[in-house]
Amino acid sequence: MSTLNEAAIRDALRDCYDPEVPCNIVDLGLVYQVAVTDDPNAPGAGIPGVPPRQRVDIQLTLTSKGCPAHTQIVAQIENRLFAFPTISKTEVELVWQPAWTPQRISPEGRTRLGLD
C-alpha cells in the first residue's frame, strides 16, 4: 500500500464541486494548501501489523465570503476522503487570504467554464 501524498489528495478532490459553478474545487483554485502527515494518534498506531494512517489538513477558500455552499463543499471533501482507508482524519480550514480571484482557475477549469 502506498503512502498518500498531496497530488493524490488533489486528484481525489477533483470529484468535489462548488454547487454554484460547474467546475471542481481544485481546478477552480479554491484549494490553497494540502498537507498529509503521519498520525501517531490514529487507532492502532504503533501496533505491529497495523498500517500507518495519515491526517489530511486542507486550506480552502471560496469564491466569495458570503458563499452559502461552504458547508456542502466541506462535507463533499470529508466524504470523498473518507474513501481512503489510510486517512484517519481530515481537517478543512476556511481561509480568506489571499482572496480568491478568477486568475486562480487552472487552464483545464478555464476551458471547462468556456473562459478561454
PDB file of N, CA and C in Angstrom:
ATOM      1  N   MET A   1       0.845  -1.176   0.000  1.00  0.00           N
ATOM      2  CA  MET A   1       0.000   0.000   0.000  1.00  0.00           C
ATOM      3  C   MET A   1       0.892   1.240   0.000  1.00  0.00           C
ATOM      4  N   SER A   2       0.637   2.163  -0.900  1.00  0.00           N
ATOM      5  CA  SER A   2       1.473   3.353  -0.970  1.00  0.00           C
ATOM      6  C   SER A   2       0.961   4.423  -0.014  1.00  0.00           C
ATOM      7  N   THR A   3       1.880   5.284   0.386  1.00  0.00           N
ATOM      8  CA  THR A   3       1.532   6.385   1.272  1.00  0.00           C
ATOM      9  C   THR A   3       0.881   7.486   0.449  1.00  0.00           C
ATOM     10  N   LEU A   4      -0.118   8.095   1.007  1.00  0.00           N
ATOM     11  CA  LEU A   4      -0.787   9.201   0.324  1.00  0.00           C
ATOM     12  C   LEU A   4       0.133  10.404   0.248  1.00  0.00           C
ATOM     13  N   ASN A   5      -0.078  11.226  -0.773  1.00  0.00           N
ATOM     14  CA  ASN A   5       0.658  12.473  -0.896  1.00  0.00           C
ATOM     15  C   ASN A   5      -0.298  13.566  -1.382  1.00  0.00           C
ATOM     16  N   GLU A   6       0.218  14.773  -1.466  1.00  0.00           N
ATOM     17  CA  GLU A   6      -0.617  15.915  -1.852  1.00  0.00           C
ATOM     18  C   GLU A   6      -1.245  15.718  -3.221  1.00  0.00           C
ATOM     19  N   ALA A   7      -0.490  15.194  -4.178  1.00  0.00           N
ATOM     20  CA  ALA A   7      -1.013  15.008  -5.534  1.00  0.00           C
ATOM     21  C   ALA A   7      -2.203  14.051  -5.540  1.00  0.00           C
ATOM     22  N   ALA A   8      -2.126  12.977  -4.767  1.00  0.00           N
ATOM     23  CA  ALA A   8      -3.234  12.014  -4.712  1.00  0.00           C
ATOM     24  C   ALA A   8      -4.476  12.643  -4.090  1.00  0.00           C
ATOM     25  N   ILE A   9      -4.281  13.461  -3.076  1.00  0.00           N
ATOM     26  CA  ILE A   9      -5.413  14.130  -2.432  1.00  0.00           C
ATOM     27  C   ILE A   9      -6.042  15.134  -3.396  1.00  0.00           C
ATOM     28  N   ARG A  10      -5.216  15.941  -4.045  1.00  0.00           N
ATOM     29  CA  ARG A  10      -5.757  16.914  -5.004  1.00  0.00           C
ATOM     30  C   ARG A  10      -6.519  16.209  -6.125  1.00  0.00           C
ATOM     31  N   ASP A  11      -5.991  15.079  -6.586  1.00  0.00           N
ATOM     32  CA  ASP A  11      -6.672  14.326  -7.630  1.00  0.00           C
ATOM     33  C   ASP A  11      -8.046  13.865  -7.145  1.00  0.00           C
ATOM     34  N   ALA A  12      -8.127  13.361  -5.916  1.00  0.00           N
ATOM     35  CA  ALA A  12      -9.409  12.926  -5.353  1.00  0.00           C
ATOM     36  C   ALA A  12     -10.375  14.099  -5.205  1.00  0.00           C
ATOM     37  N   LEU A  13      -9.857  15.263  -4.856  1.00  0.00           N
ATOM     38  CA  LEU A  13     -10.714  16.434  -4.653  1.00  0.00           C
ATOM     39  C   LEU A  13     -11.290  16.973  -5.959  1.00  0.00           C
ATOM     40  N   ARG A  14     -10.799  16.479  -7.087  1.00  0.00           N
ATOM     41  CA  ARG A  14     -11.389  16.871  -8.374  1.00  0.00           C
ATOM     42  C   ARG A  14     -12.810  16.307  -8.529  1.00  0.00           C
ATOM     43  N   ASP A  15     -13.223  15.433  -7.602  1.00  0.00           N
ATOM     44  CA  ASP A  15     -14.598  14.930  -7.590  1.00  0.00           C
ATOM     45  C   ASP A  15     -15.534  15.844  -6.801  1.00  0.00           C
ATOM     46  N   CYS A  16     -15.009  16.888  -6.185  1.00  0.00           N
ATOM     47  CA  CYS A  16     -15.795  17.810  -5.358  1.00  0.00           C
ATOM     48  C   CYS A  16     -16.038  19.102  -6.133  1.00  0.00           C
ATOM     49  N   TYR A  17     -17.271  19.559  -6.112  1.00  0.00           N
ATOM     50  CA  TYR A  17     -17.660  20.731  -6.895  1.00  0.00           C
ATOM     51  C   TYR A  17     -18.316  21.802  -6.040  1.00  0.00           C
ATOM     52  N   ASP A  18     -18.078  23.051  -6.426  1.00  0.00           N
ATOM     53  CA  ASP A  18     -18.856  24.159  -5.894  1.00  0.00           C
ATOM     54  C   ASP A  18     -20.224  24.020  -6.559  1.00  0.00           C
ATOM     55  N   PRO A  19     -21.307  23.888  -5.799  1.00  0.00           N
ATOM     56  CA  PRO A  19     -22.617  23.657  -6.425  1.00  0.00           C
ATOM     57  C   PRO A  19     -23.103  24.801  -7.304  1.00  0.00           C
ATOM     58  N   GLU A  20     -22.459  25.959  -7.190  1.00  0.00           N
ATOM     59  CA  GLU A  20     -22.893  27.101  -7.991  1.00  0.00           C
ATOM     60  C   GLU A  20     -22.071  27.272  -9.264  1.00  0.00           C
ATOM     61  N   VAL A  21     -20.986  26.492  -9.399  1.00  0.00           N
ATOM     62  CA  VAL A  21     -20.091  26.644 -10.548  1.00  0.00           C
ATOM     63  C   VAL A  21     -19.788  25.249 -11.109  1.00  0.00           C
ATOM     64  N   PRO A  22     -19.944  25.033 -12.411  1.00  0.00           N
ATOM     65  CA  PRO A  22     -19.701  23.703 -12.974  1.00  0.00           C
ATOM     66  C   PRO A  22     -18.216  23.391 -13.166  1.00  0.00           C
ATOM     67  N   CYS A  23     -17.471  23.463 -12.066  1.00  0.00           N
ATOM     68  CA  CYS A  23     -16.030  23.203 -12.112  1.00  0.00           C
ATOM     69  C   CYS A  23     -15.614  22.664 -10.756  1.00  0.00           C
ATOM     70  N   ASN A  24     -14.692  21.693 -10.748  1.00  0.00           N
ATOM     71  CA  ASN A  24     -14.270  21.128  -9.462  1.00  0.00           C
ATOM     72  C   ASN A  24     -13.458  22.151  -8.668  1.00  0.00           C
ATOM     73  N   ILE A  25     -13.376  21.920  -7.345  1.00  0.00           N
ATOM     74  CA  ILE A  25     -12.759  22.895  -6.454  1.00  0.00           C
ATOM     75  C   ILE A  25     -11.251  23.039  -6.658  1.00  0.00           C
ATOM     76  N   VAL A  26     -10.595  22.009  -7.197  1.00  0.00           N
ATOM     77  CA  VAL A  26      -9.155  22.099  -7.455  1.00  0.00           C
ATOM     78  C   VAL A  26      -8.905  22.991  -8.669  1.00  0.00           C
ATOM     79  N   ASP A  27      -9.581  22.687  -9.778  1.00  0.00           N
ATOM     80  CA  ASP A  27      -9.380  23.495 -10.988  1.00  0.00           C
ATOM     81  C   ASP A  27      -9.953  24.898 -10.843  1.00  0.00           C
ATOM     82  N   LEU A  28     -10.907  25.072  -9.948  1.00  0.00           N
ATOM     83  CA  LEU A  28     -11.448  26.407  -9.676  1.00  0.00           C
ATOM     84  C   LEU A  28     -10.458  27.243  -8.863  1.00  0.00           C
ATOM     85  N   GLY A  29      -9.475  26.575  -8.258  1.00  0.00           N
ATOM     86  CA  GLY A  29      -8.454  27.289  -7.495  1.00  0.00           C
ATOM     87  C   GLY A  29      -8.843  27.562  -6.050  1.00  0.00           C
ATOM     88  N   LEU A  30      -9.787  26.790  -5.520  1.00  0.00           N
ATOM     89  CA  LEU A  30     -10.245  27.008  -4.151  1.00  0.00           C
ATOM     90  C   LEU A  30      -9.377  26.304  -3.117  1.00  0.00           C
ATOM     91  N   VAL A  31      -8.645  25.263  -3.537  1.00  0.00           N
ATOM     92  CA  VAL A  31      -7.796  24.516  -2.607  1.00  0.00           C
ATOM     93  C   VAL A  31      -6.431  25.185  -2.574  1.00  0.00           C
ATOM     94  N   TYR A  32      -6.128  25.849  -1.470  1.00  0.00           N
ATOM     95  CA  TYR A  32      -4.866  26.577  -1.350  1.00  0.00           C
ATOM     96  C   TYR A  32      -3.719  25.691  -0.891  1.00  0.00           C
ATOM     97  N   GLN A  33      -3.984  24.813   0.060  1.00  0.00           N
ATOM     98  CA  GLN A  33      -2.897  24.006   0.602  1.00  0.00           C
ATOM     99  C   GLN A  33      -3.430  22.651   1.033  1.00  0.00           C
ATOM    100  N   VAL A  34      -2.615  21.611   0.818  1.00  0.00           N
ATOM    101  CA  VAL A  34      -2.919  20.254   1.271  1.00  0.00           C
ATOM    102  C   VAL A  34      -1.683  19.741   1.997  1.00  0.00           C
ATOM    103  N   ALA A  35      -1.877  19.265   3.218  1.00  0.00           N
ATOM    104  CA  ALA A  35      -0.771  18.675   3.980  1.00  0.00           C
ATOM    105  C   ALA A  35      -1.186  17.281   4.413  1.00  0.00           C
ATOM    106  N   VAL A  36      -0.321  16.310   4.125  1.00  0.00           N
ATOM    107  CA  VAL A  36      -0.551  14.928   4.534  1.00  0.00           C
ATOM    108  C   VAL A  36       0.561  14.570   5.512  1.00  0.00           C
ATOM    109  N   THR A  37       0.178  14.215   6.736  1.00  0.00           N
ATOM    110  CA  THR A  37       1.168  13.879   7.760  1.00  0.00           C
ATOM    111  C   THR A  37       0.786  12.570   8.443  1.00  0.00           C
ATOM    112  N   ASP A  38       1.792  11.872   8.926  1.00  0.00           N
ATOM    113  CA  ASP A  38       1.531  10.660   9.692  1.00  0.00           C
ATOM    114  C   ASP A  38       0.747  11.027  10.944  1.00  0.00           C
ATOM    115  N   ASP A  39      -0.170  10.150  11.340  1.00  0.00           N
ATOM    116  CA  ASP A  39      -0.980  10.393  12.528  1.00  0.00           C
ATOM    117  C   ASP A  39      -0.611   9.387  13.616  1.00  0.00           C
ATOM    118  N   PRO A  40       0.272   9.786  14.539  1.00  0.00           N
ATOM    119  CA  PRO A  40       0.677   8.868  15.594  1.00  0.00           C
ATOM    120  C   PRO A  40      -0.441   8.583  16.599  1.00  0.00           C
ATOM    121  N   ASN A  41      -1.531   9.350  16.531  1.00  0.00           N
ATOM    122  CA  ASN A  41      -2.652   9.167  17.450  1.00  0.00           C
ATOM    123  C   ASN A  41      -3.798   8.365  16.844  1.00  0.00           C
ATOM    124  N   ALA A  42      -3.619   7.882  15.606  1.00  0.00           N
ATOM    125  CA  ALA A  42      -4.678   7.100  14.960  1.00  0.00           C
ATOM    126  C   ALA A  42      -4.864   5.778  15.697  1.00  0.00           C
ATOM    127  N   PRO A  43      -6.082   5.264  15.702  1.00  0.00           N
ATOM    128  CA  PRO A  43      -6.307   3.966  16.343  1.00  0.00           C
ATOM    129  C   PRO A  43      -5.361   2.905  15.766  1.00  0.00           C
ATOM    130  N   GLY A  44      -4.707   2.178  16.635  1.00  0.00           N
ATOM    131  CA  GLY A  44      -3.798   1.111  16.211  1.00  0.00           C
ATOM    132  C   GLY A  44      -2.389   1.558  15.914  1.00  0.00           C
ATOM    133  N   ALA A  45      -2.128   2.860  16.006  1.00  0.00           N
ATOM    134  CA  ALA A  45      -0.783   3.372  15.696  1.00  0.00           C
ATOM    135  C   ALA A  45       0.240   2.721  16.613  1.00  0.00           C
ATOM    136  N   GLY A  46       1.331   2.292  16.031  1.00  0.00           N
ATOM    137  CA  GLY A  46       2.415   1.691  16.800  1.00  0.00           C
ATOM    138  C   GLY A  46       2.253   0.207  17.060  1.00  0.00           C
ATOM    139  N   ILE A  47       1.139  -0.360  16.641  1.00  0.00           N
ATOM    140  CA  ILE A  47       0.926  -1.796  16.829  1.00  0.00           C
ATOM    141  C   ILE A  47       1.451  -2.522  15.589  1.00  0.00           C
ATOM    142  N   PRO A  48       2.345  -3.494  15.773  1.00  0.00           N
ATOM    143  CA  PRO A  48       2.882  -4.227  14.618  1.00  0.00           C
ATOM    144  C   PRO A  48       1.755  -4.833  13.773  1.00  0.00           C
ATOM    145  N   GLY A  49       1.884  -4.669  12.473  1.00  0.00           N
ATOM    146  CA  GLY A  49       0.896  -5.208  11.544  1.00  0.00           C
ATOM    147  C   GLY A  49      -0.228  -4.243  11.199  1.00  0.00           C
ATOM    148  N   VAL A  50      -0.377  -3.175  11.971  1.00  0.00           N
ATOM    149  CA  VAL A  50      -1.409  -2.175  11.675  1.00  0.00           C
ATOM    150  C   VAL A  50      -0.779  -1.123  10.769  1.00  0.00           C
ATOM    151  N   PRO A  51      -1.333  -0.956   9.565  1.00  0.00           N
ATOM    152  CA  PRO A  51      -0.736   0.016   8.643  1.00  0.00           C
ATOM    153  C   PRO A  51      -0.813   1.438   9.196  1.00  0.00           C
ATOM    154  N   PRO A  52       0.195   2.241   8.906  1.00  0.00           N
ATOM    155  CA  PRO A  52       0.156   3.635   9.367  1.00  0.00           C
ATOM    156  C   PRO A  52      -0.981   4.394   8.709  1.00  0.00           C
ATOM    157  N   ARG A  53      -1.486   5.379   9.422  1.00  0.00           N
ATOM    158  CA  ARG A  53      -2.562   6.208   8.889  1.00  0.00           C
ATOM    159  C   ARG A  53      -2.105   7.656   8.864  1.00  0.00           C
ATOM    160  N   GLN A  54      -2.722   8.417   7.971  1.00  0.00           N
ATOM    161  CA  GLN A  54      -2.345   9.814   7.804  1.00  0.00           C
ATOM    162  C   GLN A  54      -3.512  10.739   8.132  1.00  0.00           C
ATOM    163  N   ARG A  55      -3.110  11.942   8.497  1.00  0.00           N
ATOM    164  CA  ARG A  55      -4.040  13.042   8.733  1.00  0.00           C
ATOM    165  C   ARG A  55      -3.902  13.976   7.531  1.00  0.00           C
ATOM    166  N   VAL A  56      -5.032  14.508   7.058  1.00  0.00           N
ATOM    167  CA  VAL A  56      -5.020  15.431   5.925  1.00  0.00           C
ATOM    168  C   VAL A  56      -5.570  16.764   6.400  1.00  0.00           C
ATOM    169  N   ASP A  57      -4.777  17.823   6.202  1.00  0.00           N
ATOM    170  CA  ASP A  57      -5.199  19.186   6.527  1.00  0.00           C
ATOM    171  C   ASP A  57      -5.277  19.971   5.228  1.00  0.00           C
ATOM    172  N   ILE A  58      -6.408  20.624   5.020  1.00  0.00           N
ATOM    173  CA  ILE A  58      -6.657  21.355   3.774  1.00  0.00           C
ATOM    174  C   ILE A  58      -7.005  22.792   4.104  1.00  0.00           C
ATOM    175  N   GLN A  59      -6.366  23.717   3.385  1.00  0.00           N
ATOM    176  CA  GLN A  59      -6.765  25.118   3.447  1.00  0.00           C
ATOM    177  C   GLN A  59      -7.572  25.398   2.191  1.00  0.00           C
ATOM    178  N   LEU A  60      -8.786  25.874   2.397  1.00  0.00           N
ATOM    179  CA  LEU A  60      -9.756  26.072   1.329  1.00  0.00           C
ATOM    180  C   LEU A  60     -10.291  27.488   1.396  1.00  0.00           C
ATOM    181  N   THR A  61     -10.513  28.080   0.248  1.00  0.00           N
ATOM    182  CA  THR A  61     -11.197  29.360   0.211  1.00  0.00           C
ATOM    183  C   THR A  61     -12.460  29.188  -0.604  1.00  0.00           C
ATOM    184  N   LEU A  62     -13.232  30.237  -0.707  1.00  0.00           N
ATOM    185  CA  LEU A  62     -14.454  30.223  -1.505  1.00  0.00           C
ATOM    186  C   LEU A  62     -14.413  31.396  -2.468  1.00  0.00           C
ATOM    187  N   THR A  63     -15.283  31.370  -3.455  1.00  0.00           N
ATOM    188  CA  THR A  63     -15.279  32.450  -4.436  1.00  0.00           C
ATOM    189  C   THR A  63     -15.714  33.778  -3.830  1.00  0.00           C
ATOM    190  N   SER A  64     -16.479  33.718  -2.724  1.00  0.00           N
ATOM    191  CA  SER A  64     -16.869  34.941  -2.016  1.00  0.00           C
ATOM    192  C   SER A  64     -17.136  34.603  -0.558  1.00  0.00           C
ATOM    193  N   LYS A  65     -16.953  35.582   0.320  1.00  0.00           N
ATOM    194  CA  LYS A  65     -17.153  35.350   1.757  1.00  0.00           C
ATOM    195  C   LYS A  65     -18.591  34.988   2.088  1.00  0.00           C
ATOM    196  N   GLY A  66     -19.518  35.438   1.296  1.00  0.00           N
ATOM    197  CA  GLY A  66     -20.924  35.147   1.565  1.00  0.00           C
ATOM    198  C   GLY A  66     -21.414  33.860   0.919  1.00  0.00           C
ATOM    199  N   CYS A  67     -20.516  33.065   0.389  1.00  0.00           N
ATOM    200  CA  CYS A  67     -20.898  31.838  -0.318  1.00  0.00           C
ATOM    201  C   CYS A  67     -21.667  30.908   0.618  1.00  0.00           C
ATOM    202  N   PRO A  68     -22.927  30.613   0.295  1.00  0.00           N
ATOM    203  CA  PRO A  68     -23.734  29.769   1.175  1.00  0.00           C
ATOM    204  C   PRO A  68     -23.397  28.280   1.072  1.00  0.00           C
ATOM    205  N   ALA A  69     -22.542  27.900   0.141  1.00  0.00           N
ATOM    206  CA  ALA A  69     -22.273  26.481  -0.122  1.00  0.00           C
ATOM    207  C   ALA A  69     -21.097  25.930   0.674  1.00  0.00           C
ATOM    208  N   HIS A  70     -20.505  26.714   1.585  1.00  0.00           N
ATOM    209  CA  HIS A  70     -19.278  26.246   2.238  1.00  0.00           C
ATOM    210  C   HIS A  70     -19.497  24.946   3.015  1.00  0.00           C
ATOM    211  N   THR A  71     -20.625  24.808   3.688  1.00  0.00           N
ATOM    212  CA  THR A  71     -20.894  23.580   4.449  1.00  0.00           C
ATOM    213  C   THR A  71     -20.990  22.381   3.509  1.00  0.00           C
ATOM    214  N   GLN A  72     -21.639  22.569   2.386  1.00  0.00           N
ATOM    215  CA  GLN A  72     -21.788  21.490   1.404  1.00  0.00           C
ATOM    216  C   GLN A  72     -20.435  21.101   0.797  1.00  0.00           C
ATOM    217  N   ILE A  73     -19.594  22.077   0.505  1.00  0.00           N
ATOM    218  CA  ILE A  73     -18.275  21.795  -0.074  1.00  0.00           C
ATOM    219  C   ILE A  73     -17.405  21.048   0.935  1.00  0.00           C
ATOM    220  N   VAL A  74     -17.397  21.487   2.192  1.00  0.00           N
ATOM    221  CA  VAL A  74     -16.607  20.805   3.226  1.00  0.00           C
ATOM    222  C   VAL A  74     -17.103  19.373   3.397  1.00  0.00           C
ATOM    223  N   ALA A  75     -18.407  19.164   3.386  1.00  0.00           N
ATOM    224  CA  ALA A  75     -18.962  17.813   3.516  1.00  0.00           C
ATOM    225  C   ALA A  75     -18.529  16.935   2.338  1.00  0.00           C
ATOM    226  N   GLN A  76     -18.519  17.503   1.131  1.00  0.00           N
ATOM    227  CA  GLN A  76     -18.056  16.747  -0.038  1.00  0.00           C
ATOM    228  C   GLN A  76     -16.606  16.307   0.140  1.00  0.00           C
ATOM    229  N   ILE A  77     -15.767  17.214   0.623  1.00  0.00           N
ATOM    230  CA  ILE A  77     -14.351  16.909   0.836  1.00  0.00           C
ATOM    231  C   ILE A  77     -14.202  15.777   1.846  1.00  0.00           C
ATOM    232  N   GLU A  78     -14.866  15.915   2.981  1.00  0.00           N
ATOM    233  CA  GLU A  78     -14.760  14.894   4.027  1.00  0.00           C
ATOM    234  C   GLU A  78     -15.267  13.546   3.533  1.00  0.00           C
ATOM    235  N   ASN A  79     -16.388  13.542   2.834  1.00  0.00           N
ATOM    236  CA  ASN A  79     -16.954  12.295   2.314  1.00  0.00           C
ATOM    237  C   ASN A  79     -16.049  11.666   1.256  1.00  0.00           C
ATOM    238  N   ARG A  80     -15.474  12.473   0.393  1.00  0.00           N
ATOM    239  CA  ARG A  80     -14.604  11.939  -0.657  1.00  0.00           C
ATOM    240  C   ARG A  80     -13.362  11.300  -0.046  1.00  0.00           C
ATOM    241  N   LEU A  81     -12.755  11.967   0.923  1.00  0.00           N
ATOM    242  CA  LEU A  81     -11.524  11.448   1.514  1.00  0.00           C
ATOM    243  C   LEU A  81     -11.779  10.297   2.488  1.00  0.00           C
ATOM    244  N   PHE A  82     -13.012  10.143   2.936  1.00  0.00           N
ATOM    245  CA  PHE A  82     -13.369   9.015   3.796  1.00  0.00           C
ATOM    246  C   PHE A  82     -13.145   7.691   3.064  1.00  0.00           C
ATOM    247  N   ALA A  83     -13.145   7.725   1.746  1.00  0.00           N
ATOM    248  CA  ALA A  83     -12.945   6.518   0.937  1.00  0.00           C
ATOM    249  C   ALA A  83     -11.530   5.952   1.064  1.00  0.00           C
ATOM    250  N   PHE A  84     -10.588   6.735   1.568  1.00  0.00           N
ATOM    251  CA  PHE A  84      -9.213   6.273   1.729  1.00  0.00           C
ATOM    252  C   PHE A  84      -9.050   5.648   3.115  1.00  0.00           C
ATOM    253  N   PRO A  85      -8.811   4.340   3.184  1.00  0.00           N
ATOM    254  CA  PRO A  85      -8.699   3.694   4.496  1.00  0.00           C
ATOM    255  C   PRO A  85      -7.480   4.137   5.298  1.00  0.00           C
ATOM    256  N   THR A  86      -6.488   4.743   4.641  1.00  0.00           N
ATOM    257  CA  THR A  86      -5.297   5.173   5.376  1.00  0.00           C
ATOM    258  C   THR A  86      -5.434   6.578   5.957  1.00  0.00           C
ATOM    259  N   ILE A  87      -6.543   7.262   5.658  1.00  0.00           N
ATOM    260  CA  ILE A  87      -6.754   8.594   6.244  1.00  0.00           C
ATOM    261  C   ILE A  87      -7.501   8.439   7.555  1.00  0.00           C
ATOM    262  N   SER A  88      -6.890   8.921   8.628  1.00  0.00           N
ATOM    263  CA  SER A  88      -7.511   8.836   9.947  1.00  0.00           C
ATOM    264  C   SER A  88      -8.381  10.047  10.250  1.00  0.00           C
ATOM    265  N   LYS A  89      -8.015  11.199   9.685  1.00  0.00           N
ATOM    266  CA  LYS A  89      -8.730  12.435   9.997  1.00  0.00           C
ATOM    267  C   LYS A  89      -8.520  13.436   8.871  1.00  0.00           C
ATOM    268  N   THR A  90      -9.573  14.189   8.567  1.00  0.00           N
ATOM    269  CA  THR A  90      -9.496  15.266   7.588  1.00  0.00           C
ATOM    270  C   THR A  90      -9.960  16.546   8.263  1.00  0.00           C
ATOM    271  N   GLU A  91      -9.130  17.573   8.192  1.00  0.00           N
ATOM    272  CA  GLU A  91      -9.485  18.889   8.727  1.00  0.00           C
ATOM    273  C   GLU A  91      -9.490  19.883   7.572  1.00  0.00           C
ATOM    274  N   VAL A  92     -10.571  20.659   7.457  1.00  0.00           N
ATOM    275  CA  VAL A  92     -10.671  21.688   6.423  1.00  0.00           C
ATOM    276  C   VAL A  92     -10.735  23.041   7.115  1.00  0.00           C
ATOM    277  N   GLU A  93      -9.782  23.890   6.777  1.00  0.00           N
ATOM    278  CA  GLU A  93      -9.748  25.248   7.333  1.00  0.00           C
ATOM    279  C   GLU A  93     -10.134  26.224   6.230  1.00  0.00           C
ATOM    280  N   LEU A  94     -11.115  27.047   6.508  1.00  0.00           N
ATOM    281  CA  LEU A  94     -11.545  28.070   5.564  1.00  0.00           C
ATOM    282  C   LEU A  94     -10.647  29.290   5.729  1.00  0.00           C
ATOM    283  N   VAL A  95     -10.009  29.717   4.643  1.00  0.00           N
ATOM    284  CA  VAL A  95      -9.115  30.871   4.687  1.00  0.00           C
ATOM    285  C   VAL A  95      -9.564  31.907   3.656  1.00  0.00           C
ATOM    286  N   TRP A  96      -9.198  33.151   3.917  1.00  0.00           N
ATOM    287  CA  TRP A  96      -9.625  34.236   3.026  1.00  0.00           C
ATOM    288  C   TRP A  96      -8.458  35.008   2.425  1.00  0.00           C
ATOM    289  N   GLN A  97      -7.243  34.662   2.830  1.00  0.00           N
ATOM    290  CA  GLN A  97      -6.061  35.349   2.306  1.00  0.00           C
ATOM    291  C   GLN A  97      -5.123  34.333   1.673  1.00  0.00           C
ATOM    292  N   PRO A  98      -4.675  34.547   0.492  1.00  0.00           N
ATOM    293  CA  PRO A  98      -5.079  35.648  -0.389  1.00  0.00           C
ATOM    294  C   PRO A  98      -6.511  35.444  -0.890  1.00  0.00           C
ATOM    295  N   ALA A  99      -7.148  36.531  -1.202  1.00  0.00           N
ATOM    296  CA  ALA A  99      -8.519  36.463  -1.701  1.00  0.00           C
ATOM    297  C   ALA A  99      -8.549  35.714  -3.032  1.00  0.00           C
ATOM    298  N   TRP A 100      -9.589  34.916  -3.237  1.00  0.00           N
ATOM    299  CA  TRP A 100      -9.736  34.190  -4.497  1.00  0.00           C
ATOM    300  C   TRP A 100     -10.043  35.169  -5.620  1.00  0.00           C
ATOM    301  N   THR A 101      -9.453  34.925  -6.777  1.00  0.00           N
ATOM    302  CA  THR A 101      -9.758  35.676  -7.992  1.00  0.00           C
ATOM    303  C   THR A 101      -9.878  34.682  -9.138  1.00  0.00           C
ATOM    304  N   PRO A 102     -10.537  35.051 -10.217  1.00  0.00           N
ATOM    305  CA  PRO A 102     -10.656  34.142 -11.368  1.00  0.00           C
ATOM    306  C   PRO A 102      -9.299  33.737 -11.967  1.00  0.00           C
ATOM    307  N   GLN A 103      -8.245  34.475 -11.671  1.00  0.00           N
ATOM    308  CA  GLN A 103      -6.915  34.118 -12.171  1.00  0.00           C
ATOM    309  C   GLN A 103      -6.416  32.811 -11.551  1.00  0.00           C
ATOM    310  N   ARG A 104      -7.012  32.363 -10.460  1.00  0.00           N
ATOM    311  CA  ARG A 104      -6.621  31.111  -9.802  1.00  0.00           C
ATOM    312  C   ARG A 104      -7.164  29.879 -10.531  1.00  0.00           C
ATOM    313  N   ILE A 105      -8.090  30.071 -11.458  1.00  0.00           N
ATOM    314  CA  ILE A 105      -8.675  28.944 -12.189  1.00  0.00           C
ATOM    315  C   ILE A 105      -7.612  28.341 -13.103  1.00  0.00           C
ATOM    316  N   SER A 106      -7.487  27.014 -13.064  1.00  0.00           N
ATOM    317  CA  SER A 106      -6.495  26.314 -13.885  1.00  0.00           C
ATOM    318  C   SER A 106      -6.870  26.396 -15.371  1.00  0.00           C
ATOM    319  N   PRO A 107      -5.917  26.130 -16.250  1.00  0.00           N
ATOM    320  CA  PRO A 107      -6.245  26.102 -17.686  1.00  0.00           C
ATOM    321  C   PRO A 107      -7.383  25.118 -17.998  1.00  0.00           C
ATOM    322  N   GLU A 108      -7.389  23.956 -17.329  1.00  0.00           N
ATOM    323  CA  GLU A 108      -8.466  22.981 -17.548  1.00  0.00           C
ATOM    324  C   GLU A 108      -9.810  23.549 -17.104  1.00  0.00           C
ATOM    325  N   GLY A 109      -9.799  24.224 -15.967  1.00  0.00           N
ATOM    326  CA  GLY A 109     -11.017  24.842 -15.463  1.00  0.00           C
ATOM    327  C   GLY A 109     -11.503  25.953 -16.368  1.00  0.00           C
ATOM    328  N   ARG A 110     -10.586  26.749 -16.891  1.00  0.00           N
ATOM    329  CA  ARG A 110     -10.946  27.837 -17.786  1.00  0.00           C
ATOM    330  C   ARG A 110     -11.601  27.284 -19.057  1.00  0.00           C
ATOM    331  N   THR A 111     -11.059  26.177 -19.553  1.00  0.00           N
ATOM    332  CA  THR A 111     -11.638  25.552 -20.741  1.00  0.00           C
ATOM    333  C   THR A 111     -13.044  25.036 -20.425  1.00  0.00           C
ATOM    334  N   ARG A 112     -13.178  24.353 -19.301  1.00  0.00           N
ATOM    335  CA  ARG A 112     -14.474  23.793 -18.909  1.00  0.00           C
ATOM    336  C   ARG A 112     -15.538  24.884 -18.732  1.00  0.00           C
ATOM    337  N   LEU A 113     -15.135  26.019 -18.198  1.00  0.00           N
ATOM    338  CA  LEU A 113     -16.057  27.124 -17.971  1.00  0.00           C
ATOM    339  C   LEU A 113     -16.255  28.011 -19.209  1.00  0.00           C
ATOM    340  N   GLY A 114     -15.529  27.697 -20.280  1.00  0.00           N
ATOM    341  CA  GLY A 114     -15.649  28.485 -21.509  1.00  0.00           C
ATOM    342  C   GLY A 114     -15.039  29.871 -21.402  1.00  0.00           C
ATOM    343  N   LEU A 115     -13.996  30.005 -20.557  1.00  0.00           N
ATOM    344  CA  LEU A 115     -13.366  31.302 -20.375  1.00  0.00           C
ATOM    345  C   LEU A 115     -12.233  31.561 -21.372  1.00  0.00           C
ATOM    346  N   ASP A 116     -11.765  30.524 -22.013  1.00  0.00           N
ATOM    347  CA  ASP A 116     -10.675  30.701 -22.999  1.00  0.00           C
ATOM    348  C   ASP A 116     -11.142  30.308 -24.378  1.00  0.00           C
TER     349      ASP A 116
END
